[in-house]
C-alpha atoms as a PDB file:
ATOM      1  CA  MET A   1      38.614  74.589 145.085  1.00  0.00           C
ATOM      2  CA  THR A   2      36.551  77.715 144.373  1.00  0.00           C
ATOM      3  CA  HIS A   3      36.558  79.529 141.053  1.00  0.00           C
ATOM      4  CA  ASN A   4      38.879  82.294 142.336  1.00  0.00           C
ATOM      5  CA  GLU A   5      41.418  80.037 143.989  1.00  0.00           C
ATOM      6  CA  GLU A   6      44.841  79.580 142.376  1.00  0.00           C
ATOM      7  CA  PRO A   7      45.814  75.967 141.685  1.00  0.00           C
ATOM      8  CA  LYS A   8      48.469  74.726 144.059  1.00  0.00           C
ATOM      9  CA  GLN A   9      51.892  74.227 142.502  1.00  0.00           C
ATOM     10  CA  LYS A  10      53.787  71.033 143.170  1.00  0.00           C
ATOM     11  CA  TRP A  11      57.477  71.915 143.429  1.00  0.00           C
ATOM     12  CA  ASP A  12      58.737  68.649 144.835  1.00  0.00           C
ATOM     13  CA  ASN A  13      59.904  67.271 141.482  1.00  0.00           C
ATOM     14  CA  VAL A  14      61.381  70.501 140.072  1.00  0.00           C
ATOM     15  CA  ILE A  15      65.155  70.309 139.588  1.00  0.00           C
ATOM     16  CA  PRO A  16      66.838  73.641 140.435  1.00  0.00           C
ATOM     17  CA  PHE A  17      69.042  75.211 137.710  1.00  0.00           C
ATOM     18  CA  LEU A  18      72.594  75.375 138.966  1.00  0.00           C
ATOM     19  CA  LYS A  19      74.912  77.949 137.443  1.00  0.00           C
ATOM     20  CA  ASP A  20      78.205  76.113 137.543  1.00  0.00           C
ATOM     21  CA  GLY A  21      81.579  77.127 136.104  1.00  0.00           C
ATOM     22  CA  ALA A  22      80.759  75.704 132.680  1.00  0.00           C
ATOM     23  CA  TYR A  23      77.654  77.911 132.480  1.00  0.00           C
ATOM     24  CA  PHE A  24      79.581  81.111 133.221  1.00  0.00           C
ATOM     25  CA  TYR A  25      82.435  80.055 130.934  1.00  0.00           C
ATOM     26  CA  LYS A  26      80.015  79.509 128.034  1.00  0.00           C
ATOM     27  CA  LYS A  27      78.473  82.944 128.657  1.00  0.00           C
ATOM     28  CA  GLY A  28      81.948  84.450 128.753  1.00  0.00           C
ATOM     29  CA  ILE A  29      82.938  82.881 125.431  1.00  0.00           C
ATOM     30  CA  GLU A  30      79.724  84.137 123.827  1.00  0.00           C
ATOM     31  CA  ALA A  31      80.407  87.660 125.088  1.00  0.00           C
ATOM     32  CA  TYR A  32      84.015  87.491 123.873  1.00  0.00           C
ATOM     33  CA  GLN A  33      82.930  86.345 120.419  1.00  0.00           C
ATOM     34  CA  ASN A  34      80.560  89.318 120.320  1.00  0.00           C
ATOM     35  CA  GLN A  35      83.510  91.604 121.206  1.00  0.00           C
ATOM     36  CA  GLN A  36      82.068  92.392 124.642  1.00  0.00           C
ATOM     37  CA  VAL A  37      85.421  92.106 126.368  1.00  0.00           C
ATOM     38  CA  ASP A  38      84.492  93.496 129.807  1.00  0.00           C
ATOM     39  CA  LYS A  39      81.398  91.311 129.966  1.00  0.00           C
ATOM     40  CA  ALA A  40      83.504  88.291 128.951  1.00  0.00           C
ATOM     41  CA  LEU A  41      85.954  89.011 131.760  1.00  0.00           C
ATOM     42  CA  THR A  42      83.135  89.181 134.302  1.00  0.00           C
ATOM     43  CA  TYR A  43      81.642  85.845 133.270  1.00  0.00           C
ATOM     44  CA  ILE A  44      84.968  83.998 133.025  1.00  0.00           C
ATOM     45  CA  GLN A  45      85.994  85.318 136.447  1.00  0.00           C
ATOM     46  CA  LYS A  46      82.712  83.914 137.804  1.00  0.00           C
ATOM     47  CA  ALA A  47      83.544  80.590 136.177  1.00  0.00           C
ATOM     48  CA  ILE A  48      86.904  80.577 137.979  1.00  0.00           C
ATOM     49  CA  ASP A  49      85.222  81.497 141.268  1.00  0.00           C
ATOM     50  CA  ALA A  50      82.891  78.516 140.803  1.00  0.00           C
ATOM     51  CA  GLU A  51      85.697  76.117 139.777  1.00  0.00           C
ATOM     52  CA  PRO A  52      89.003  77.598 140.947  1.00  0.00           C
ATOM     53  CA  HIS A  53      91.096  74.641 139.765  1.00  0.00           C
ATOM     54  CA  GLU A  54      89.961  74.549 136.127  1.00  0.00           C
ATOM     55  CA  PRO A  55      93.001  75.607 134.028  1.00  0.00           C
ATOM     56  CA  ILE A  56      90.972  76.136 130.831  1.00  0.00           C
ATOM     57  CA  PHE A  57      89.024  78.929 132.498  1.00  0.00           C
ATOM     58  CA  MET A  58      92.219  80.618 133.673  1.00  0.00           C
ATOM     59  CA  CYS A  59      93.862  80.391 130.257  1.00  0.00           C
ATOM     60  CA  GLN A  60      90.800  81.897 128.608  1.00  0.00           C
ATOM     61  CA  LEU A  61      90.791  84.719 131.140  1.00  0.00           C
ATOM     62  CA  ALA A  62      94.444  85.377 130.249  1.00  0.00           C
ATOM     63  CA  ILE A  63      93.571  85.437 126.533  1.00  0.00           C
ATOM     64  CA  VAL A  64      90.798  87.996 127.091  1.00  0.00           C
ATOM     65  CA  LEU A  65      93.032  90.128 129.316  1.00  0.00           C
ATOM     66  CA  ALA A  66      95.702  90.102 126.618  1.00  0.00           C
ATOM     67  CA  ASP A  67      93.116  91.149 124.041  1.00  0.00           C
ATOM     68  CA  LYS A  68      92.343  94.103 126.301  1.00  0.00           C
ATOM     69  CA  GLY A  69      96.047  95.005 126.415  1.00  0.00           C
ATOM     70  CA  GLU A  70      96.632  93.833 129.997  1.00  0.00           C
ATOM     71  CA  TYR A  71      99.573  91.624 129.064  1.00  0.00           C
ATOM     72  CA  ASP A  72     101.293  91.585 132.472  1.00  0.00           C
ATOM     73  CA  HIS A  73      98.033  90.679 134.203  1.00  0.00           C
ATOM     74  CA  ALA A  74      97.437  87.938 131.643  1.00  0.00           C
ATOM     75  CA  ASN A  75     100.863  86.459 132.298  1.00  0.00           C
ATOM     76  CA  GLU A  76     100.216  86.420 136.044  1.00  0.00           C
ATOM     77  CA  TRP A  77      97.277  84.089 135.409  1.00  0.00           C
ATOM     78  CA  LEU A  78      99.289  81.896 133.056  1.00  0.00           C
ATOM     79  CA  LYS A  79     102.060  81.567 135.643  1.00  0.00           C
ATOM     80  CA  LYS A  80      99.427  80.674 138.244  1.00  0.00           C
ATOM     81  CA  VAL A  81      98.158  77.858 136.013  1.00  0.00           C
ATOM     82  CA  LEU A  82     101.645  76.378 135.714  1.00  0.00           C
ATOM     83  CA  ALA A  83     102.593  76.881 139.368  1.00  0.00           C
ATOM     84  CA  ASP A  84      99.351  75.985 141.153  1.00  0.00           C
ATOM     85  CA  VAL A  85      97.007  74.075 138.859  1.00  0.00           C
ATOM     86  CA  ASP A  86      98.535  72.178 135.924  1.00  0.00           C
ATOM     87  CA  PRO A  87     102.312  72.282 135.312  1.00  0.00           C
ATOM     88  CA  ASN A  88     101.803  70.277 132.104  1.00  0.00           C
ATOM     89  CA  MET A  89      99.625  72.901 130.411  1.00  0.00           C
ATOM     90  CA  ASN A  90     102.464  73.813 128.090  1.00  0.00           C
ATOM     91  CA  GLU A  91     100.501  76.201 125.870  1.00  0.00           C
ATOM     92  CA  CYS A  92     100.851  78.674 128.730  1.00  0.00           C
ATOM     93  CA  TYR A  93     104.481  79.161 127.707  1.00  0.00           C
ATOM     94  CA  PHE A  94     103.393  80.055 124.174  1.00  0.00           C
ATOM     95  CA  PHE A  95     100.719  82.491 125.375  1.00  0.00           C
ATOM     96  CA  MET A  96     103.222  84.120 127.746  1.00  0.00           C
ATOM     97  CA  ALA A  97     105.696  84.485 124.881  1.00  0.00           C
ATOM     98  CA  ASN A  98     103.075  86.293 122.815  1.00  0.00           C
ATOM     99  CA  ASN A  99     102.311  88.684 125.641  1.00  0.00           C
ATOM    100  CA  LEU A 100     105.998  89.342 126.286  1.00  0.00           C
ATOM    101  CA  ALA A 101     106.486  90.079 122.584  1.00  0.00           C
ATOM    102  CA  TYR A 102     103.582  92.542 122.695  1.00  0.00           C
ATOM    103  CA  LEU A 103     105.273  94.257 125.637  1.00  0.00           C
ATOM    104  CA  GLY A 104     108.543  94.441 123.721  1.00  0.00           C
ATOM    105  CA  HIS A 105     110.369  91.990 126.032  1.00  0.00           C
ATOM    106  CA  LYS A 106     111.941  90.202 123.116  1.00  0.00           C
ATOM    107  CA  GLU A 107     114.569  88.164 124.964  1.00  0.00           C
ATOM    108  CA  ASP A 108     112.080  86.914 127.565  1.00  0.00           C
ATOM    109  CA  ALA A 109     109.657  85.994 124.787  1.00  0.00           C
ATOM    110  CA  ILE A 110     112.367  83.950 123.068  1.00  0.00           C
ATOM    111  CA  VAL A 111     113.019  82.047 126.323  1.00  0.00           C
ATOM    112  CA  ARG A 112     109.312  81.195 126.704  1.00  0.00           C
ATOM    113  CA  LEU A 113     109.026  80.093 123.071  1.00  0.00           C
ATOM    114  CA  LYS A 114     111.970  77.744 123.496  1.00  0.00           C
ATOM    115  CA  GLN A 115     110.388  76.359 126.669  1.00  0.00           C
ATOM    116  CA  TYR A 116     107.184  75.653 124.780  1.00  0.00           C
ATOM    117  CA  LEU A 117     108.925  74.054 121.796  1.00  0.00           C
ATOM    118  CA  GLN A 118     111.113  71.916 124.055  1.00  0.00           C
ATOM    119  CA  ARG A 119     107.990  70.518 125.708  1.00  0.00           C
ATOM    120  CA  GLU A 120     105.710  70.459 122.638  1.00  0.00           C
ATOM    121  CA  PRO A 121     107.871  70.142 119.479  1.00  0.00           C
ATOM    122  CA  ALA A 122     104.817  68.994 117.509  1.00  0.00           C
ATOM    123  CA  GLY A 123     102.198  70.768 119.620  1.00  0.00           C
ATOM    124  CA  GLU A 124      99.131  72.674 118.507  1.00  0.00           C
ATOM    125  CA  TYR A 125     101.044  75.970 118.465  1.00  0.00           C
ATOM    126  CA  ALA A 126     104.404  74.623 117.292  1.00  0.00           C
ATOM    127  CA  ASP A 127     104.229  76.178 113.822  1.00  0.00           C
ATOM    128  CA  ASP A 128     103.260  79.584 115.199  1.00  0.00           C
ATOM    129  CA  ALA A 129     105.900  79.317 117.928  1.00  0.00           C
ATOM    130  CA  ASN A 130     108.635  78.484 115.416  1.00  0.00           C
ATOM    131  CA  TRP A 131     107.550  81.375 113.204  1.00  0.00           C
ATOM    132  CA  LEU A 132     107.499  83.836 116.085  1.00  0.00           C
ATOM    133  CA  LEU A 133     110.856  82.592 117.353  1.00  0.00           C
ATOM    134  CA  GLU A 134     112.443  83.060 113.930  1.00  0.00           C
ATOM    135  CA  MET A 135     110.861  86.498 113.641  1.00  0.00           C
ATOM    136  CA  LEU A 136     112.137  87.682 117.013  1.00  0.00           C
ATOM    137  CA  GLU A 137     115.624  86.279 116.499  1.00  0.00           C
ATOM    138  CA  GLY A 138     115.666  87.770 113.005  1.00  0.00           C
ATOM    139  CA  GLU A 139     114.684  91.152 114.417  1.00  0.00           C
ATOM    140  CA  GLN A 140     117.520  90.925 116.939  1.00  0.00           C
ATOM    141  CA  LYS A 141     119.967  90.177 114.149  1.00  0.00           C
ATOM    142  CA  ALA A 142     118.581  92.965 111.957  1.00  0.00           C
ATOM    143  CA  SER A 143     118.959  95.446 114.824  1.00  0.00           C
ATOM    144  CA  SER A 144     122.570  94.356 115.274  1.00  0.00           C
ATOM    145  CA  ASP A 145     123.284  94.605 111.533  1.00  0.00           C
ATOM    146  CA  GLU A 146     121.750  98.086 111.445  1.00  0.00           C
ATOM    147  CA  ASP A 147     124.253  99.246 114.059  1.00  0.00           C
ATOM    148  CA  LEU A 148     127.060  98.040 111.803  1.00  0.00           C
ATOM    149  CA  GLN A 149     125.588  99.458 108.574  1.00  0.00           C
ATOM    150  CA  PRO A 150     123.544 102.601 109.331  1.00  0.00           C
ATOM    151  CA  LYS A 151     121.343 104.050 106.613  1.00  0.00           C
ATOM    152  CA  ASN A 152     122.051 107.349 104.906  1.00  0.00           C
ATOM    153  CA  ASP A 153     119.591 109.222 107.128  1.00  0.00           C
ATOM    154  CA  SER A 154     118.974 112.174 104.819  1.00  0.00           C
ATOM    155  CA  VAL A 155     118.139 109.969 101.816  1.00  0.00           C
ATOM    156  CA  TYR A 156     116.033 107.637 103.960  1.00  0.00           C
ATOM    157  CA  GLU A 157     114.062 110.552 105.431  1.00  0.00           C
ATOM    158  CA  GLN A 158     113.402 111.958 101.967  1.00  0.00           C
ATOM    159  CA  ALA A 159     112.367 108.538 100.690  1.00  0.00           C
ATOM    160  CA  MET A 160     109.911 108.034 103.562  1.00  0.00           C
ATOM    161  CA  LEU A 161     108.556 111.561 103.220  1.00  0.00           C
ATOM    162  CA  ASN A 162     107.885 111.010  99.521  1.00  0.00           C
ATOM    163  CA  LEU A 163     106.313 107.618 100.216  1.00  0.00           C
ATOM    164  CA  GLU A 164     104.015 109.018 102.901  1.00  0.00           C
ATOM    165  CA  ARG A 165     102.916 111.923 100.707  1.00  0.00           C
ATOM    166  CA  GLY A 166     102.096 109.680  97.785  1.00  0.00           C
ATOM    167  CA  TYR A 167     105.064 110.697  95.613  1.00  0.00           C
ATOM    168  CA  PHE A 168     105.676 107.068  94.757  1.00  0.00           C
ATOM    169  CA  LEU A 169     108.007 107.500  91.786  1.00  0.00           C
ATOM    170  CA  GLU A 170     110.276 109.859  93.747  1.00  0.00           C
ATOM    171  CA  ALA A 171     110.224 107.480  96.722  1.00  0.00           C
ATOM    172  CA  GLU A 172     111.186 104.596  94.445  1.00  0.00           C
ATOM    173  CA  LYS A 173     114.206 106.526  93.168  1.00  0.00           C
ATOM    174  CA  HIS A 174     115.392 107.287  96.696  1.00  0.00           C
ATOM    175  CA  PHE A 175     115.004 103.692  97.865  1.00  0.00           C
ATOM    176  CA  ILE A 176     116.974 102.493  94.841  1.00  0.00           C
ATOM    177  CA  ALA A 177     119.705 104.990  95.741  1.00  0.00           C
ATOM    178  CA  LEU A 178     119.851 103.532  99.251  1.00  0.00           C
ATOM    179  CA  LEU A 179     120.119 100.013  97.839  1.00  0.00           C
ATOM    180  CA  GLN A 180     123.034 101.058  95.698  1.00  0.00           C
ATOM    181  CA  GLU A 181     124.848 101.840  98.958  1.00  0.00           C
ATOM    182  CA  ASN A 182     123.777  98.605 100.667  1.00  0.00           C
ATOM    183  CA  SER A 183     122.369  95.939  98.371  1.00  0.00           C
ATOM    184  CA  SER A 184     121.528  93.566 101.250  1.00  0.00           C
ATOM    185  CA  ASP A 185     119.282  95.991 103.160  1.00  0.00           C
ATOM    186  CA  TRP A 186     116.135  93.863 102.955  1.00  0.00           C
ATOM    187  CA  ASP A 187     113.969  96.378 104.824  1.00  0.00           C
ATOM    188  CA  THR A 188     114.651  98.961 102.134  1.00  0.00           C
ATOM    189  CA  TYR A 189     113.603  96.468  99.470  1.00  0.00           C
ATOM    190  CA  ALA A 190     110.315  96.032 101.325  1.00  0.00           C
ATOM    191  CA  LEU A 191     109.744  99.807 101.392  1.00  0.00           C
ATOM    192  CA  LEU A 192     110.676  99.993  97.721  1.00  0.00           C
ATOM    193  CA  ALA A 193     107.971  97.402  97.052  1.00  0.00           C
ATOM    194  CA  GLU A 194     105.390  99.639  98.750  1.00  0.00           C
ATOM    195  CA  ALA A 195     106.310 102.550  96.485  1.00  0.00           C
ATOM    196  CA  VAL A 196     106.225 100.280  93.427  1.00  0.00           C
ATOM    197  CA  TYR A 197     102.853  98.730  94.364  1.00  0.00           C
ATOM    198  CA  HIS A 198     101.057 102.004  95.003  1.00  0.00           C
ATOM    199  CA  GLY A 199     102.735 103.415  91.921  1.00  0.00           C
ATOM    200  CA  GLY A 200     100.726 100.837  89.959  1.00  0.00           C
ATOM    201  CA  ASP A 201     103.137  97.954  89.247  1.00  0.00           C
ATOM    202  CA  HIS A 202     101.530  95.318  91.468  1.00  0.00           C
ATOM    203  CA  GLU A 203     103.228  92.238  90.055  1.00  0.00           C
ATOM    204  CA  ARG A 204     106.715  93.721  90.361  1.00  0.00           C
ATOM    205  CA  ALA A 205     106.049  94.844  93.941  1.00  0.00           C
ATOM    206  CA  ILE A 206     104.888  91.387  95.001  1.00  0.00           C
ATOM    207  CA  GLN A 207     107.898  89.828  93.292  1.00  0.00           C
ATOM    208  CA  ILE A 208     110.247  92.152  95.209  1.00  0.00           C
ATOM    209  CA  VAL A 209     108.902  91.148  98.625  1.00  0.00           C
ATOM    210  CA  GLN A 210     108.697  87.474  97.700  1.00  0.00           C
ATOM    211  CA  ASP A 211     112.374  87.635  96.726  1.00  0.00           C
ATOM    212  CA  VAL A 212     113.173  89.299 100.058  1.00  0.00           C
ATOM    213  CA  ILE A 213     111.423  86.503 101.974  1.00  0.00           C
ATOM    214  CA  ILE A 214     113.393  83.900 100.026  1.00  0.00           C
ATOM    215  CA  LYS A 215     116.620  85.593 101.131  1.00  0.00           C
ATOM    216  CA  ASP A 216     115.459  86.628 104.614  1.00  0.00           C
ATOM    217  CA  GLU A 217     112.558  84.378 105.566  1.00  0.00           C
ATOM    218  CA  THR A 218     111.533  86.240 108.716  1.00  0.00           C
ATOM    219  CA  ASN A 219     111.857  89.775 107.360  1.00  0.00           C
ATOM    220  CA  PHE A 220     109.190  91.709 109.206  1.00  0.00           C
ATOM    221  CA  LEU A 221     108.680  94.544 106.733  1.00  0.00           C
ATOM    222  CA  ALA A 222     108.382  92.198 103.758  1.00  0.00           C
ATOM    223  CA  ARG A 223     105.661  90.231 105.547  1.00  0.00           C
ATOM    224  CA  CYS A 224     103.875  93.476 106.395  1.00  0.00           C
ATOM    225  CA  GLN A 225     103.905  94.453 102.725  1.00  0.00           C
ATOM    226  CA  LEU A 226     102.634  91.056 101.578  1.00  0.00           C
ATOM    227  CA  ALA A 227      99.793  91.273 104.099  1.00  0.00           C
ATOM    228  CA  VAL A 228      98.780  94.601 102.534  1.00  0.00           C
ATOM    229  CA  PHE A 229      99.227  93.540  98.901  1.00  0.00           C
ATOM    230  CA  TYR A 230      97.314  90.289  99.363  1.00  0.00           C
ATOM    231  CA  HIS A 231      94.571  92.094 101.288  1.00  0.00           C
ATOM    232  CA  LEU A 232      94.140  94.704  98.578  1.00  0.00           C
ATOM    233  CA  GLN A 233      93.929  91.919  95.986  1.00  0.00           C
ATOM    234  CA  GLY A 234      91.462  89.913  98.067  1.00  0.00           C
ATOM    235  CA  ARG A 235      93.746  86.880  98.270  1.00  0.00           C
ATOM    236  CA  GLU A 236      93.243  84.170 100.892  1.00  0.00           C
ATOM    237  CA  GLU A 237      96.882  84.341 102.031  1.00  0.00           C
ATOM    238  CA  ALA A 238      96.200  87.775 103.565  1.00  0.00           C
ATOM    239  CA  SER A 239      94.585  86.323 106.703  1.00  0.00           C
ATOM    240  CA  GLN A 240      97.596  84.103 107.394  1.00  0.00           C
ATOM    241  CA  TYR A 241      99.989  87.054 107.295  1.00  0.00           C
ATOM    242  CA  ARG A 242      97.649  89.179 109.369  1.00  0.00           C
ATOM    243  CA  GLN A 243      97.447  86.545 112.107  1.00  0.00           C
ATOM    244  CA  GLN A 244     101.210  86.202 112.206  1.00  0.00           C
ATOM    245  CA  LEU A 245     101.850  89.929 112.376  1.00  0.00           C
ATOM    246  CA  ASN A 246      99.352  90.382 115.188  1.00  0.00           C
ATOM    247  CA  MET A 247     101.391  88.007 117.327  1.00  0.00           C
ATOM    248  CA  ILE A 248     104.243  90.440 117.951  1.00  0.00           C
ATOM    249  CA  ARG A 249     105.012  93.996 118.876  1.00  0.00           C
ATOM    250  CA  PRO A 250     108.295  95.146 117.303  1.00  0.00           C
ATOM    251  CA  VAL A 251     110.972  96.587 119.542  1.00  0.00           C
ATOM    252  CA  ASP A 252     112.311  98.682 116.650  1.00  0.00           C
ATOM    253  CA  HIS A 253     110.170 101.837 116.465  1.00  0.00           C
ATOM    254  CA  GLU A 254     110.396 102.117 112.687  1.00  0.00           C
ATOM    255  CA  HIS A 255     109.090  98.549 112.496  1.00  0.00           C
ATOM    256  CA  ARG A 256     106.248  99.415 114.862  1.00  0.00           C
ATOM    257  CA  TYR A 257     105.440 102.365 112.624  1.00  0.00           C
ATOM    258  CA  ILE A 258     105.326 100.112 109.561  1.00  0.00           C
ATOM    259  CA  LEU A 259     103.034  97.739 111.481  1.00  0.00           C
ATOM    260  CA  ALA A 260     100.733 100.659 112.325  1.00  0.00           C
ATOM    261  CA  ARG A 261     100.548 101.582 108.642  1.00  0.00           C
ATOM    262  CA  THR A 262     100.031  97.940 107.684  1.00  0.00           C
ATOM    263  CA  ASN A 263      97.082  97.611 110.050  1.00  0.00           C
ATOM    264  CA  PHE A 264      95.564 100.729 108.505  1.00  0.00           C
ATOM    265  CA  HIS A 265      95.810  99.287 104.993  1.00  0.00           C
ATOM    266  CA  ILE A 266      94.239  95.952 105.955  1.00  0.00           C
ATOM    267  CA  GLY A 267      91.369  97.665 107.763  1.00  0.00           C
ATOM    268  CA  ALA A 268      92.501  96.816 111.312  1.00  0.00           C
ATOM    269  CA  TYR A 269      91.978 100.375 112.482  1.00  0.00           C
ATOM    270  CA  ARG A 270      91.922  99.753 116.229  1.00  0.00           C
ATOM    271  CA  GLU A 271      95.213  97.854 116.048  1.00  0.00           C
ATOM    272  CA  ALA A 272      96.657 100.681 113.958  1.00  0.00           C
ATOM    273  CA  HIS A 273      95.421 103.233 116.490  1.00  0.00           C
ATOM    274  CA  HIS A 274      97.083 101.256 119.301  1.00  0.00           C
ATOM    275  CA  HIS A 275     100.465 101.414 117.567  1.00  0.00           C
ATOM    276  CA  TYR A 276     100.207 105.095 116.657  1.00  0.00           C
ATOM    277  CA  GLN A 277      99.355 105.944 120.260  1.00  0.00           C
ATOM    278  CA  LYS A 278     102.317 103.911 121.518  1.00  0.00           C
ATOM    279  CA  LEU A 279     104.663 105.722 119.134  1.00  0.00           C
ATOM    280  CA  MET A 280     103.188 109.071 120.152  1.00  0.00           C
ATOM    281  CA  LYS A 281     104.678 108.521 123.617  1.00  0.00           C
ATOM    282  CA  LYS A 282     108.177 107.775 122.303  1.00  0.00           C
ATOM    283  CA  SER A 283     110.072 111.054 122.407  1.00  0.00           C
ATOM    284  CA  TYR A 284     112.983 109.621 120.401  1.00  0.00           C
ATOM    285  CA  PHE A 285     110.775 108.437 117.524  1.00  0.00           C
ATOM    286  CA  ARG A 286     110.845 111.099 114.830  1.00  0.00           C
ATOM    287  CA  LYS A 287     107.292 112.184 114.070  1.00  0.00           C
ATOM    288  CA  ARG A 288     106.904 113.733 110.635  1.00  0.00           C
ATOM    289  CA  PRO A 289     103.763 115.783 109.879  1.00  0.00           C
ATOM    290  CA  THR A 290     102.531 112.797 107.867  1.00  0.00           C
ATOM    291  CA  PHE A 291     102.712 110.688 111.033  1.00  0.00           C
ATOM    292  CA  TYR A 292     100.247 113.001 112.801  1.00  0.00           C
ATOM    293  CA  HIS A 293      98.042 113.052 109.701  1.00  0.00           C
ATOM    294  CA  GLN A 294      97.922 109.253 109.543  1.00  0.00           C
ATOM    295  CA  ALA A 295      97.282 108.930 113.281  1.00  0.00           C
ATOM    296  CA  ALA A 296      94.479 111.492 112.984  1.00  0.00           C
ATOM    297  CA  LEU A 297      92.860 109.598 110.130  1.00  0.00           C
ATOM    298  CA  VAL A 298      92.984 106.336 112.086  1.00  0.00           C
ATOM    299  CA  SER A 299      91.459 108.085 115.120  1.00  0.00           C
ATOM    300  CA  TRP A 300      88.674 109.422 112.910  1.00  0.00           C
ATOM    301  CA  LEU A 301      88.029 105.921 111.532  1.00  0.00           C
ATOM    302  CA  ILE A 302      87.447 104.535 115.036  1.00  0.00           C
ATOM    303  CA  GLU A 303      85.217 107.547 115.788  1.00  0.00           C
ATOM    304  CA  ASP A 304      87.643 109.214 118.178  1.00  0.00           C
ATOM    305  CA  LYS A 305      87.014 112.619 116.642  1.00  0.00           C
ATOM    306  CA  GLN A 306      88.454 114.606 119.540  1.00  0.00           C
ATOM    307  CA  THR A 307      91.852 112.927 119.140  1.00  0.00           C
ATOM    308  CA  ALA A 308      91.626 113.239 115.347  1.00  0.00           C
ATOM    309  CA  GLU A 309      91.041 116.991 115.608  1.00  0.00           C
ATOM    310  CA  LYS A 310      93.972 117.391 117.992  1.00  0.00           C
ATOM    311  CA  LEU A 311      96.346 115.410 115.751  1.00  0.00           C
ATOM    312  CA  TRP A 312      95.333 117.190 112.560  1.00  0.00           C
ATOM    313  CA  GLY A 313      95.902 120.423 114.419  1.00  0.00           C
ATOM    314  CA  LYS A 314      99.438 119.258 115.178  1.00  0.00           C
ATOM    315  CA  ALA A 315      99.981 118.290 111.537  1.00  0.00           C
ATOM    316  CA  TRP A 316      98.707 121.729 110.462  1.00  0.00           C
ATOM    317  CA  GLN A 317     101.263 123.421 112.729  1.00  0.00           C
ATOM    318  CA  LEU A 318     104.163 121.381 111.304  1.00  0.00           C
ATOM    319  CA  ASP A 319     103.247 121.137 107.612  1.00  0.00           C
ATOM    320  CA  GLU A 320     102.964 124.580 106.071  1.00  0.00           C
ATOM    321  CA  VAL A 321     102.955 123.157 102.527  1.00  0.00           C
ATOM    322  CA  ASN A 322      99.808 121.041 103.000  1.00  0.00           C
ATOM    323  CA  ARG A 323      97.780 123.247 105.319  1.00  0.00           C
ATOM    324  CA  ASP A 324      94.885 123.585 102.852  1.00  0.00           C
ATOM    325  CA  TYR A 325      94.664 119.795 102.620  1.00  0.00           C
ATOM    326  CA  ILE A 326      94.776 119.369 106.408  1.00  0.00           C
ATOM    327  CA  GLU A 327      92.093 122.027 106.819  1.00  0.00           C
ATOM    328  CA  GLU A 328      89.966 119.999 104.423  1.00  0.00           C
ATOM    329  CA  CYS A 329      90.494 116.982 106.687  1.00  0.00           C
ATOM    330  CA  LEU A 330      89.450 119.003 109.727  1.00  0.00           C
ATOM    331  CA  ASN A 331      86.309 120.075 107.894  1.00  0.00           C
ATOM    332  CA  LYS A 332      85.471 116.397 107.307  1.00  0.00           C
ATOM    333  CA  LEU A 333      85.448 115.527 111.019  1.00  0.00           C
ATOM    334  CA  GLY A 334      81.678 115.321 111.048  1.00  0.00           C
ATOM    335  CA  GLY A 335      81.280 113.850 107.573  1.00  0.00           C
ATOM    336  CA  SER A 336      82.981 111.514 105.119  1.00  0.00           C
ATOM    337  CA  TRP A 337      85.371 111.521 102.177  1.00  0.00           C
ATOM    338  CA  ARG A 338      84.346 111.042  98.571  1.00  0.00           C
ATOM    339  CA  THR A 339      87.722 109.469  97.847  1.00  0.00           C
ATOM    340  CA  SER A 340      89.013 106.305  99.542  1.00  0.00           C
ATOM    341  CA  THR A 341      90.642 106.638 102.939  1.00  0.00           C
ATOM    342  CA  ARG A 342      93.773 105.082 101.405  1.00  0.00           C
ATOM    343  CA  ASP A 343      94.044 108.120  99.149  1.00  0.00           C
ATOM    344  CA  VAL A 344      93.580 110.392 102.153  1.00  0.00           C
ATOM    345  CA  PHE A 345      96.298 108.435 104.002  1.00  0.00           C
ATOM    346  CA  TYR A 346      98.739 109.271 101.222  1.00  0.00           C
ATOM    347  CA  TYR A 347      97.670 112.944 100.845  1.00  0.00           C
ATOM    348  CA  LEU A 348      96.286 112.094  97.358  1.00  0.00           C
END
């Protein structure tokens, strides 16, 4: 061999690297954990292409699709697992129930939860399934009770307006007035607790919602408030409530609105933005100027400044009293606030 000759490579013993389903699945999970949802979908789909009869891959694809908001598509994959691959993969019923709840198909979600619990009464997701089932059935009952005992709309509107504008003492008085008319309206107690908490009496507010949960274990609004209160106090219980609340999408639009506000307060701005945008499309949901202000703030927090500007413009049109404040918000589109965003949320 001369000085300039390249040494000959011996390839006979080299083992080629095969990219099997497990390889693509691992890459997909890594991308998902890094919040690269589209990349995760690509890799997990490749894993399924490589091993089309692996139910774990299909379930994970459904989970990622659901995270992207494609709940119907996710459920198609879960049904495929049960029909074509593994009819004993019972967690599919639980995942489908979650997706149906997100879509607002409450009755169908209840059916799927019962199917899961019948097959897996002590399964990995049994506790969460029981909680979600109680929550959905409780929401159905609450909706029925509301039809029988409607709120005094004018007092309720004034109470919510005061609450949203940071007039916490006035809001507290109005909520108490509503409770004098109906002392078993647990949702109003939960809203009262919000006014009391942000008015400065934290212990009393927490006691109010804890009492509500004792009387009405699955009360959605009370759990929303506890998630916020515990989050603001840095308590470990906050994560538990947050996980539970993220499992459902309320059918009641006022409940969805409270969930949007809850997600804002716990720093889940993208989830909050999702709910505000959903409510924006509901013509029969009453949108106060404060609603547009809150939705604008959330849009600004996720760096959607174009939407924020549009929504603050709408709030400016509707709220003649607070136009100077809204103009200040518009002027902050390219900057930041010296006060906390919670104070901005409440017009403080």
